[in-house]
Amino acid sequence: MIGLSFVHGWRDTIFLNGTLSKRQLILAMGRASQRHWFQSQWRSLFDEPHWSRRALLAGASCMPGDARKHWYRSVEARLDPLERAVMKWARQYPFGI
């Protein structure tokens, strides 16, 4: 029973509580091409913790080309070097295409 309790606690920590879970959910939404959700997120991008922000940048690559280009241009000046690297990668390897 101790092992099962640990597994449930670990699952709850990963999938319900932390930044890690939010990051994973954001990436899954990008892989599932949830374009409309990403289009609504650009205004709140900088309210997110760094890893969730990076997931949003990667996941937003599922948006149509014109929307994606505009979205990335509108936030690029405020990104840190790692976020810019994520954006560059996402431009080269967009989700959902």
PDB file of N, CA and C in Angstrom:
ATOM      1  N   MET A   1       0.798  -1.202   0.000  1.00  0.00           N
ATOM      2  CA  MET A   1       0.000   0.000   0.000  1.00  0.00           C
ATOM      3  C   MET A   1       0.844   1.270   0.000  1.00  0.00           C
ATOM      4  N   ILE A   2       2.006   1.231   0.597  1.00  0.00           N
ATOM      5  CA  ILE A   2       2.856   2.418   0.628  1.00  0.00           C
ATOM      6  C   ILE A   2       3.246   2.828  -0.789  1.00  0.00           C
ATOM      7  N   GLY A   3       3.585   1.842  -1.601  1.00  0.00           N
ATOM      8  CA  GLY A   3       3.958   2.127  -2.988  1.00  0.00           C
ATOM      9  C   GLY A   3       2.829   2.769  -3.768  1.00  0.00           C
ATOM     10  N   LEU A   4       1.618   2.254  -3.598  1.00  0.00           N
ATOM     11  CA  LEU A   4       0.456   2.809  -4.299  1.00  0.00           C
ATOM     12  C   LEU A   4       0.176   4.239  -3.856  1.00  0.00           C
ATOM     13  N   SER A   5       0.309   4.485  -2.573  1.00  0.00           N
ATOM     14  CA  SER A   5       0.116   5.838  -2.058  1.00  0.00           C
ATOM     15  C   SER A   5       1.131   6.798  -2.665  1.00  0.00           C
ATOM     16  N   PHE A   6       2.367   6.360  -2.763  1.00  0.00           N
ATOM     17  CA  PHE A   6       3.411   7.184  -3.357  1.00  0.00           C
ATOM     18  C   PHE A   6       3.091   7.489  -4.815  1.00  0.00           C
ATOM     19  N   VAL A   7       2.659   6.471  -5.550  1.00  0.00           N
ATOM     20  CA  VAL A   7       2.335   6.668  -6.971  1.00  0.00           C
ATOM     21  C   VAL A   7       1.204   7.670  -7.118  1.00  0.00           C
ATOM     22  N   HIS A   8       0.159   7.535  -6.325  1.00  0.00           N
ATOM     23  CA  HIS A   8      -0.961   8.481  -6.419  1.00  0.00           C
ATOM     24  C   HIS A   8      -0.522   9.889  -6.043  1.00  0.00           C
ATOM     25  N   GLY A   9       0.289  10.014  -5.009  1.00  0.00           N
ATOM     26  CA  GLY A   9       0.796  11.326  -4.619  1.00  0.00           C
ATOM     27  C   GLY A   9       1.649  11.945  -5.702  1.00  0.00           C
ATOM     28  N   TRP A  10       2.501  11.158  -6.311  1.00  0.00           N
ATOM     29  CA  TRP A  10       3.368  11.631  -7.395  1.00  0.00           C
ATOM     30  C   TRP A  10       2.523  12.059  -8.592  1.00  0.00           C
ATOM     31  N   ARG A  11       1.525  11.219  -8.944  1.00  0.00           N
ATOM     32  CA  ARG A  11       0.651  11.552 -10.065  1.00  0.00           C
ATOM     33  C   ARG A  11      -0.079  12.865  -9.812  1.00  0.00           C
ATOM     34  N   ASP A  12      -0.592  13.037  -8.613  1.00  0.00           N
ATOM     35  CA  ASP A  12      -1.309  14.268  -8.284  1.00  0.00           C
ATOM     36  C   ASP A  12      -0.382  15.473  -8.361  1.00  0.00           C
ATOM     37  N   THR A  13       0.841  15.323  -7.920  1.00  0.00           N
ATOM     38  CA  THR A  13       1.805  16.422  -7.985  1.00  0.00           C
ATOM     39  C   THR A  13       2.094  16.787  -9.433  1.00  0.00           C
ATOM     40  N   ILE A  14       2.319  15.798 -10.264  1.00  0.00           N
ATOM     41  CA  ILE A  14       2.664  16.066 -11.665  1.00  0.00           C
ATOM     42  C   ILE A  14       1.467  16.589 -12.446  1.00  0.00           C
ATOM     43  N   PHE A  15       0.326  15.969 -12.312  1.00  0.00           N
ATOM     44  CA  PHE A  15      -0.792  16.274 -13.189  1.00  0.00           C
ATOM     45  C   PHE A  15      -1.772  17.315 -12.661  1.00  0.00           C
ATOM     46  N   LEU A  16      -1.730  17.646 -11.392  1.00  0.00           N
ATOM     47  CA  LEU A  16      -2.723  18.569 -10.876  1.00  0.00           C
ATOM     48  C   LEU A  16      -2.163  19.863 -10.308  1.00  0.00           C
ATOM     49  N   ASN A  17      -0.951  19.858  -9.792  1.00  0.00           N
ATOM     50  CA  ASN A  17      -0.525  20.999  -8.987  1.00  0.00           C
ATOM     51  C   ASN A  17       0.524  21.901  -9.617  1.00  0.00           C
ATOM     52  N   GLY A  18       1.609  21.378 -10.109  1.00  0.00           N
ATOM     53  CA  GLY A  18       2.782  22.186 -10.374  1.00  0.00           C
ATOM     54  C   GLY A  18       2.891  22.769 -11.757  1.00  0.00           C
ATOM     55  N   THR A  19       3.936  23.559 -11.918  1.00  0.00           N
ATOM     56  CA  THR A  19       4.263  24.155 -13.205  1.00  0.00           C
ATOM     57  C   THR A  19       4.530  23.074 -14.244  1.00  0.00           C
ATOM     58  N   LEU A  20       5.145  21.984 -13.817  1.00  0.00           N
ATOM     59  CA  LEU A  20       5.428  20.890 -14.735  1.00  0.00           C
ATOM     60  C   LEU A  20       4.151  20.397 -15.394  1.00  0.00           C
ATOM     61  N   SER A  21       3.094  20.253 -14.642  1.00  0.00           N
ATOM     62  CA  SER A  21       1.845  19.767 -15.209  1.00  0.00           C
ATOM     63  C   SER A  21       1.255  20.769 -16.197  1.00  0.00           C
ATOM     64  N   LYS A  22       1.334  22.029 -15.871  1.00  0.00           N
ATOM     65  CA  LYS A  22       0.812  23.053 -16.773  1.00  0.00           C
ATOM     66  C   LYS A  22       1.612  23.056 -18.075  1.00  0.00           C
ATOM     67  N   ARG A  23       2.917  22.944 -17.963  1.00  0.00           N
ATOM     68  CA  ARG A  23       3.773  22.894 -19.139  1.00  0.00           C
ATOM     69  C   ARG A  23       3.414  21.704 -20.014  1.00  0.00           C
ATOM     70  N   GLN A  24       3.218  20.547 -19.401  1.00  0.00           N
ATOM     71  CA  GLN A  24       2.865  19.351 -20.162  1.00  0.00           C
ATOM     72  C   GLN A  24       1.508  19.508 -20.838  1.00  0.00           C
ATOM     73  N   LEU A  25       0.560  20.098 -20.146  1.00  0.00           N
ATOM     74  CA  LEU A  25      -0.763  20.319 -20.717  1.00  0.00           C
ATOM     75  C   LEU A  25      -0.695  21.284 -21.899  1.00  0.00           C
ATOM     76  N   ILE A  26       0.065  22.343 -21.773  1.00  0.00           N
ATOM     77  CA  ILE A  26       0.217  23.321 -22.854  1.00  0.00           C
ATOM     78  C   ILE A  26       0.830  22.660 -24.081  1.00  0.00           C
ATOM     79  N   LEU A  27       1.877  21.869 -23.879  1.00  0.00           N
ATOM     80  CA  LEU A  27       2.516  21.180 -25.007  1.00  0.00           C
ATOM     81  C   LEU A  27       1.551  20.186 -25.661  1.00  0.00           C
ATOM     82  N   ALA A  28       0.771  19.479 -24.854  1.00  0.00           N
ATOM     83  CA  ALA A  28      -0.210  18.545 -25.408  1.00  0.00           C
ATOM     84  C   ALA A  28      -1.262  19.282 -26.230  1.00  0.00           C
ATOM     85  N   MET A  29      -1.668  20.455 -25.775  1.00  0.00           N
ATOM     86  CA  MET A  29      -2.640  21.243 -26.538  1.00  0.00           C
ATOM     87  C   MET A  29      -2.058  21.690 -27.869  1.00  0.00           C
ATOM     88  N   GLY A  30      -0.782  22.017 -27.874  1.00  0.00           N
ATOM     89  CA  GLY A  30      -0.135  22.365 -29.131  1.00  0.00           C
ATOM     90  C   GLY A  30      -0.076  21.187 -30.082  1.00  0.00           C
ATOM     91  N   ARG A  31       0.295  20.026 -29.560  1.00  0.00           N
ATOM     92  CA  ARG A  31       0.345  18.809 -30.380  1.00  0.00           C
ATOM     93  C   ARG A  31      -1.041  18.437 -30.905  1.00  0.00           C
ATOM     94  N   ALA A  32      -2.080  18.796 -30.156  1.00  0.00           N
ATOM     95  CA  ALA A  32      -3.458  18.525 -30.570  1.00  0.00           C
ATOM     96  C   ALA A  32      -4.033  19.653 -31.432  1.00  0.00           C
ATOM     97  N   SER A  33      -3.199  20.624 -31.768  1.00  0.00           N
ATOM     98  CA  SER A  33      -3.586  21.748 -32.644  1.00  0.00           C
ATOM     99  C   SER A  33      -4.778  22.541 -32.120  1.00  0.00           C
ATOM    100  N   GLN A  34      -4.749  22.883 -30.851  1.00  0.00           N
ATOM    101  CA  GLN A  34      -5.802  23.711 -30.250  1.00  0.00           C
ATOM    102  C   GLN A  34      -5.519  25.189 -30.546  1.00  0.00           C
ATOM    103  N   ARG A  35      -5.602  25.533 -31.813  1.00  0.00           N
ATOM    104  CA  ARG A  35      -5.204  26.851 -32.316  1.00  0.00           C
ATOM    105  C   ARG A  35      -5.906  28.011 -31.614  1.00  0.00           C
ATOM    106  N   HIS A  36      -7.208  27.899 -31.452  1.00  0.00           N
ATOM    107  CA  HIS A  36      -7.978  29.009 -30.885  1.00  0.00           C
ATOM    108  C   HIS A  36      -7.538  29.335 -29.466  1.00  0.00           C
ATOM    109  N   TRP A  37      -7.212  28.310 -28.697  1.00  0.00           N
ATOM    110  CA  TRP A  37      -6.756  28.555 -27.335  1.00  0.00           C
ATOM    111  C   TRP A  37      -5.448  29.328 -27.342  1.00  0.00           C
ATOM    112  N   PHE A  38      -4.526  28.958 -28.196  1.00  0.00           N
ATOM    113  CA  PHE A  38      -3.234  29.658 -28.251  1.00  0.00           C
ATOM    114  C   PHE A  38      -3.405  31.103 -28.721  1.00  0.00           C
ATOM    115  N   GLN A  39      -4.316  31.328 -29.646  1.00  0.00           N
ATOM    116  CA  GLN A  39      -4.539  32.685 -30.120  1.00  0.00           C
ATOM    117  C   GLN A  39      -5.059  33.589 -29.014  1.00  0.00           C
ATOM    118  N   SER A  40      -5.689  33.016 -28.012  1.00  0.00           N
ATOM    119  CA  SER A  40      -6.213  33.824 -26.906  1.00  0.00           C
ATOM    120  C   SER A  40      -5.182  34.040 -25.794  1.00  0.00           C
ATOM    121  N   GLN A  41      -4.009  33.444 -25.904  1.00  0.00           N
ATOM    122  CA  GLN A  41      -3.044  33.471 -24.812  1.00  0.00           C
ATOM    123  C   GLN A  41      -1.940  34.518 -24.938  1.00  0.00           C
ATOM    124  N   TRP A  42      -1.798  35.176 -26.058  1.00  0.00           N
ATOM    125  CA  TRP A  42      -0.632  36.040 -26.250  1.00  0.00           C
ATOM    126  C   TRP A  42      -0.596  37.209 -25.268  1.00  0.00           C
ATOM    127  N   ARG A  43      -1.753  37.704 -24.859  1.00  0.00           N
ATOM    128  CA  ARG A  43      -1.766  38.838 -23.919  1.00  0.00           C
ATOM    129  C   ARG A  43      -1.291  38.455 -22.523  1.00  0.00           C
ATOM    130  N   SER A  44      -1.451  37.193 -22.163  1.00  0.00           N
ATOM    131  CA  SER A  44      -1.067  36.760 -20.821  1.00  0.00           C
ATOM    132  C   SER A  44       0.245  35.973 -20.801  1.00  0.00           C
ATOM    133  N   LEU A  45       0.953  35.948 -21.909  1.00  0.00           N
ATOM    134  CA  LEU A  45       2.193  35.168 -21.997  1.00  0.00           C
ATOM    135  C   LEU A  45       3.167  35.522 -20.884  1.00  0.00           C
ATOM    136  N   PHE A  46       3.350  36.794 -20.620  1.00  0.00           N
ATOM    137  CA  PHE A  46       4.365  37.218 -19.657  1.00  0.00           C
ATOM    138  C   PHE A  46       3.872  37.167 -18.209  1.00  0.00           C
ATOM    139  N   ASP A  47       2.654  36.717 -18.004  1.00  0.00           N
ATOM    140  CA  ASP A  47       2.154  36.442 -16.656  1.00  0.00           C
ATOM    141  C   ASP A  47       2.507  35.020 -16.225  1.00  0.00           C
ATOM    142  N   GLU A  48       2.973  34.216 -17.160  1.00  0.00           N
ATOM    143  CA  GLU A  48       3.290  32.811 -16.898  1.00  0.00           C
ATOM    144  C   GLU A  48       4.716  32.653 -16.370  1.00  0.00           C
ATOM    145  N   PRO A  49       4.961  31.598 -15.572  1.00  0.00           N
ATOM    146  CA  PRO A  49       6.346  31.274 -15.184  1.00  0.00           C
ATOM    147  C   PRO A  49       7.152  30.912 -16.435  1.00  0.00           C
ATOM    148  N   HIS A  50       8.463  30.977 -16.328  1.00  0.00           N
ATOM    149  CA  HIS A  50       9.322  30.783 -17.501  1.00  0.00           C
ATOM    150  C   HIS A  50       9.062  29.489 -18.267  1.00  0.00           C
ATOM    151  N   TRP A  51       8.936  28.345 -17.585  1.00  0.00           N
ATOM    152  CA  TRP A  51       8.768  27.086 -18.309  1.00  0.00           C
ATOM    153  C   TRP A  51       7.405  26.986 -18.969  1.00  0.00           C
ATOM    154  N   SER A  52       6.378  27.508 -18.355  1.00  0.00           N
ATOM    155  CA  SER A  52       5.065  27.536 -19.006  1.00  0.00           C
ATOM    156  C   SER A  52       5.088  28.471 -20.203  1.00  0.00           C
ATOM    157  N   ARG A  53       5.799  29.573 -20.074  1.00  0.00           N
ATOM    158  CA  ARG A  53       5.940  30.523 -21.182  1.00  0.00           C
ATOM    159  C   ARG A  53       6.627  29.856 -22.374  1.00  0.00           C
ATOM    160  N   ARG A  54       7.664  29.084 -22.096  1.00  0.00           N
ATOM    161  CA  ARG A  54       8.381  28.383 -23.178  1.00  0.00           C
ATOM    162  C   ARG A  54       7.481  27.343 -23.833  1.00  0.00           C
ATOM    163  N   ALA A  55       6.661  26.676 -23.039  1.00  0.00           N
ATOM    164  CA  ALA A  55       5.704  25.721 -23.600  1.00  0.00           C
ATOM    165  C   ALA A  55       4.682  26.436 -24.479  1.00  0.00           C
ATOM    166  N   LEU A  56       4.229  27.607 -24.050  1.00  0.00           N
ATOM    167  CA  LEU A  56       3.296  28.391 -24.865  1.00  0.00           C
ATOM    168  C   LEU A  56       3.929  28.789 -26.195  1.00  0.00           C
ATOM    169  N   LEU A  57       5.188  29.164 -26.159  1.00  0.00           N
ATOM    170  CA  LEU A  57       5.872  29.537 -27.398  1.00  0.00           C
ATOM    171  C   LEU A  57       5.962  28.351 -28.354  1.00  0.00           C
ATOM    172  N   ALA A  58       6.282  27.184 -27.827  1.00  0.00           N
ATOM    173  CA  ALA A  58       6.358  25.986 -28.667  1.00  0.00           C
ATOM    174  C   ALA A  58       4.975  25.579 -29.146  1.00  0.00           C
ATOM    175  N   GLY A  59       4.016  25.534 -28.240  1.00  0.00           N
ATOM    176  CA  GLY A  59       2.668  25.110 -28.596  1.00  0.00           C
ATOM    177  C   GLY A  59       1.985  26.031 -29.579  1.00  0.00           C
ATOM    178  N   ALA A  60       2.297  27.316 -29.511  1.00  0.00           N
ATOM    179  CA  ALA A  60       1.683  28.293 -30.416  1.00  0.00           C
ATOM    180  C   ALA A  60       2.062  28.040 -31.867  1.00  0.00           C
ATOM    181  N   SER A  61       3.050  27.211 -32.086  1.00  0.00           N
ATOM    182  CA  SER A  61       3.437  26.898 -33.465  1.00  0.00           C
ATOM    183  C   SER A  61       2.357  26.127 -34.204  1.00  0.00           C
ATOM    184  N   CYS A  62       1.320  25.655 -33.494  1.00  0.00           N
ATOM    185  CA  CYS A  62       0.215  24.958 -34.152  1.00  0.00           C
ATOM    186  C   CYS A  62      -0.729  25.931 -34.859  1.00  0.00           C
ATOM    187  N   MET A  63      -0.592  27.215 -34.569  1.00  0.00           N
ATOM    188  CA  MET A  63      -1.494  28.206 -35.175  1.00  0.00           C
ATOM    189  C   MET A  63      -1.198  28.335 -36.670  1.00  0.00           C
ATOM    190  N   PRO A  64      -2.165  28.815 -37.445  1.00  0.00           N
ATOM    191  CA  PRO A  64      -1.922  29.060 -38.868  1.00  0.00           C
ATOM    192  C   PRO A  64      -0.733  30.006 -39.056  1.00  0.00           C
ATOM    193  N   GLY A  65      -0.032  29.860 -40.161  1.00  0.00           N
ATOM    194  CA  GLY A  65       1.204  30.594 -40.414  1.00  0.00           C
ATOM    195  C   GLY A  65       1.147  32.091 -40.176  1.00  0.00           C
ATOM    196  N   ASP A  66       0.136  32.765 -40.691  1.00  0.00           N
ATOM    197  CA  ASP A  66       0.053  34.219 -40.524  1.00  0.00           C
ATOM    198  C   ASP A  66      -0.163  34.611 -39.068  1.00  0.00           C
ATOM    199  N   ALA A  67      -1.052  33.909 -38.391  1.00  0.00           N
ATOM    200  CA  ALA A  67      -1.317  34.206 -36.978  1.00  0.00           C
ATOM    201  C   ALA A  67      -0.082  33.929 -36.137  1.00  0.00           C
ATOM    202  N   ARG A  68       0.585  32.818 -36.431  1.00  0.00           N
ATOM    203  CA  ARG A  68       1.795  32.445 -35.701  1.00  0.00           C
ATOM    204  C   ARG A  68       2.891  33.500 -35.887  1.00  0.00           C
ATOM    205  N   LYS A  69       3.076  33.935 -37.106  1.00  0.00           N
ATOM    206  CA  LYS A  69       4.103  34.938 -37.404  1.00  0.00           C
ATOM    207  C   LYS A  69       3.833  36.239 -36.642  1.00  0.00           C
ATOM    208  N   HIS A  70       2.591  36.680 -36.668  1.00  0.00           N
ATOM    209  CA  HIS A  70       2.213  37.908 -35.956  1.00  0.00           C
ATOM    210  C   HIS A  70       2.407  37.736 -34.451  1.00  0.00           C
ATOM    211  N   TRP A  71       1.968  36.603 -33.918  1.00  0.00           N
ATOM    212  CA  TRP A  71       2.058  36.319 -32.481  1.00  0.00           C
ATOM    213  C   TRP A  71       3.514  36.351 -32.036  1.00  0.00           C
ATOM    214  N   TYR A  72       4.381  35.655 -32.773  1.00  0.00           N
ATOM    215  CA  TYR A  72       5.796  35.621 -32.404  1.00  0.00           C
ATOM    216  C   TYR A  72       6.440  37.012 -32.500  1.00  0.00           C
ATOM    217  N   ARG A  73       6.126  37.744 -33.547  1.00  0.00           N
ATOM    218  CA  ARG A  73       6.697  39.095 -33.682  1.00  0.00           C
ATOM    219  C   ARG A  73       6.275  40.014 -32.545  1.00  0.00           C
ATOM    220  N   SER A  74       5.042  39.859 -32.089  1.00  0.00           N
ATOM    221  CA  SER A  74       4.525  40.753 -31.054  1.00  0.00           C
ATOM    222  C   SER A  74       5.174  40.519 -29.693  1.00  0.00           C
ATOM    223  N   VAL A  75       5.738  39.337 -29.468  1.00  0.00           N
ATOM    224  CA  VAL A  75       6.335  39.036 -28.159  1.00  0.00           C
ATOM    225  C   VAL A  75       7.859  38.939 -28.185  1.00  0.00           C
ATOM    226  N   GLU A  76       8.441  38.845 -29.345  1.00  0.00           N
ATOM    227  CA  GLU A  76       9.874  38.538 -29.481  1.00  0.00           C
ATOM    228  C   GLU A  76      10.799  39.476 -28.710  1.00  0.00           C
ATOM    229  N   ALA A  77      10.528  40.758 -28.719  1.00  0.00           N
ATOM    230  CA  ALA A  77      11.429  41.727 -28.078  1.00  0.00           C
ATOM    231  C   ALA A  77      11.547  41.528 -26.566  1.00  0.00           C
ATOM    232  N   ARG A  78      10.553  40.899 -25.962  1.00  0.00           N
ATOM    233  CA  ARG A  78      10.543  40.725 -24.503  1.00  0.00           C
ATOM    234  C   ARG A  78      11.036  39.350 -24.045  1.00  0.00           C
ATOM    235  N   LEU A  79      11.441  38.497 -24.964  1.00  0.00           N
ATOM    236  CA  LEU A  79      11.843  37.132 -24.616  1.00  0.00           C
ATOM    237  C   LEU A  79      13.280  37.074 -24.139  1.00  0.00           C
ATOM    238  N   ASP A  80      13.561  36.139 -23.234  1.00  0.00           N
ATOM    239  CA  ASP A  80      14.942  35.906 -22.822  1.00  0.00           C
ATOM    240  C   ASP A  80      15.614  35.006 -23.864  1.00  0.00           C
ATOM    241  N   PRO A  81      16.934  34.814 -23.794  1.00  0.00           N
ATOM    242  CA  PRO A  81      17.640  34.032 -24.822  1.00  0.00           C
ATOM    243  C   PRO A  81      17.102  32.601 -24.999  1.00  0.00           C
ATOM    244  N   LEU A  82      16.754  31.918 -23.923  1.00  0.00           N
ATOM    245  CA  LEU A  82      16.234  30.559 -24.052  1.00  0.00           C
ATOM    246  C   LEU A  82      14.860  30.565 -24.710  1.00  0.00           C
ATOM    247  N   GLU A  83      14.036  31.535 -24.362  1.00  0.00           N
ATOM    248  CA  GLU A  83      12.719  31.649 -24.989  1.00  0.00           C
ATOM    249  C   GLU A  83      12.851  31.946 -26.481  1.00  0.00           C
ATOM    250  N   ARG A  84      13.821  32.751 -26.845  1.00  0.00           N
ATOM    251  CA  ARG A  84      14.058  33.008 -28.279  1.00  0.00           C
ATOM    252  C   ARG A  84      14.500  31.739 -28.992  1.00  0.00           C
ATOM    253  N   ALA A  85      15.312  30.931 -28.317  1.00  0.00           N
ATOM    254  CA  ALA A  85      15.744  29.659 -28.907  1.00  0.00           C
ATOM    255  C   ALA A  85      14.548  28.719 -29.092  1.00  0.00           C
ATOM    256  N   VAL A  86      13.641  28.688 -28.118  1.00  0.00           N
ATOM    257  CA  VAL A  86      12.433  27.867 -28.241  1.00  0.00           C
ATOM    258  C   VAL A  86      11.590  28.358 -29.418  1.00  0.00           C
ATOM    259  N   MET A  87      11.449  29.660 -29.543  1.00  0.00           N
ATOM    260  CA  MET A  87      10.666  30.222 -30.636  1.00  0.00           C
ATOM    261  C   MET A  87      11.305  29.894 -31.988  1.00  0.00           C
ATOM    262  N   LYS A  88      12.608  29.995 -32.061  1.00  0.00           N
ATOM    263  CA  LYS A  88      13.315  29.659 -33.313  1.00  0.00           C
ATOM    264  C   LYS A  88      13.087  28.191 -33.674  1.00  0.00           C
ATOM    265  N   TRP A  89      13.197  27.313 -32.664  1.00  0.00           N
ATOM    266  CA  TRP A  89      12.953  25.892 -32.897  1.00  0.00           C
ATOM    267  C   TRP A  89      11.520  25.660 -33.364  1.00  0.00           C
ATOM    268  N   ALA A  90      10.570  26.323 -32.695  1.00  0.00           N
ATOM    269  CA  ALA A  90       9.151  26.145 -33.038  1.00  0.00           C
ATOM    270  C   ALA A  90       8.848  26.648 -34.447  1.00  0.00           C
ATOM    271  N   ARG A  91       9.532  27.679 -34.871  1.00  0.00           N
ATOM    272  CA  ARG A  91       9.336  28.158 -36.254  1.00  0.00           C
ATOM    273  C   ARG A  91       9.819  27.113 -37.255  1.00  0.00           C
ATOM    274  N   GLN A  92      10.894  26.427 -36.923  1.00  0.00           N
ATOM    275  CA  GLN A  92      11.449  25.417 -37.830  1.00  0.00           C
ATOM    276  C   GLN A  92      10.662  24.118 -37.800  1.00  0.00           C
ATOM    277  N   TYR A  93      10.100  23.774 -36.643  1.00  0.00           N
ATOM    278  CA  TYR A  93       9.405  22.505 -36.460  1.00  0.00           C
ATOM    279  C   TYR A  93       8.030  22.717 -35.827  1.00  0.00           C
ATOM    280  N   PRO A  94       7.116  23.392 -36.519  1.00  0.00           N
ATOM    281  CA  PRO A  94       5.821  23.713 -35.921  1.00  0.00           C
ATOM    282  C   PRO A  94       4.992  22.465 -35.617  1.00  0.00           C
ATOM    283  N   PHE A  95       4.197  22.555 -34.557  1.00  0.00           N
ATOM    284  CA  PHE A  95       3.290  21.479 -34.171  1.00  0.00           C
ATOM    285  C   PHE A  95       2.123  21.451 -35.145  1.00  0.00           C
ATOM    286  N   GLY A  96       1.566  20.292 -35.340  1.00  0.00           N
ATOM    287  CA  GLY A  96       0.321  20.160 -36.092  1.00  0.00           C
ATOM    288  C   GLY A  96       0.456  20.295 -37.586  1.00  0.00           C
ATOM    289  N   ILE A  97       1.670  20.283 -38.087  1.00  0.00           N
ATOM    290  CA  ILE A  97       1.829  20.414 -39.551  1.00  0.00           C
ATOM    291  C   ILE A  97       2.445  19.159 -40.106  1.00  0.00           C
TER     292      ILE A  97
END
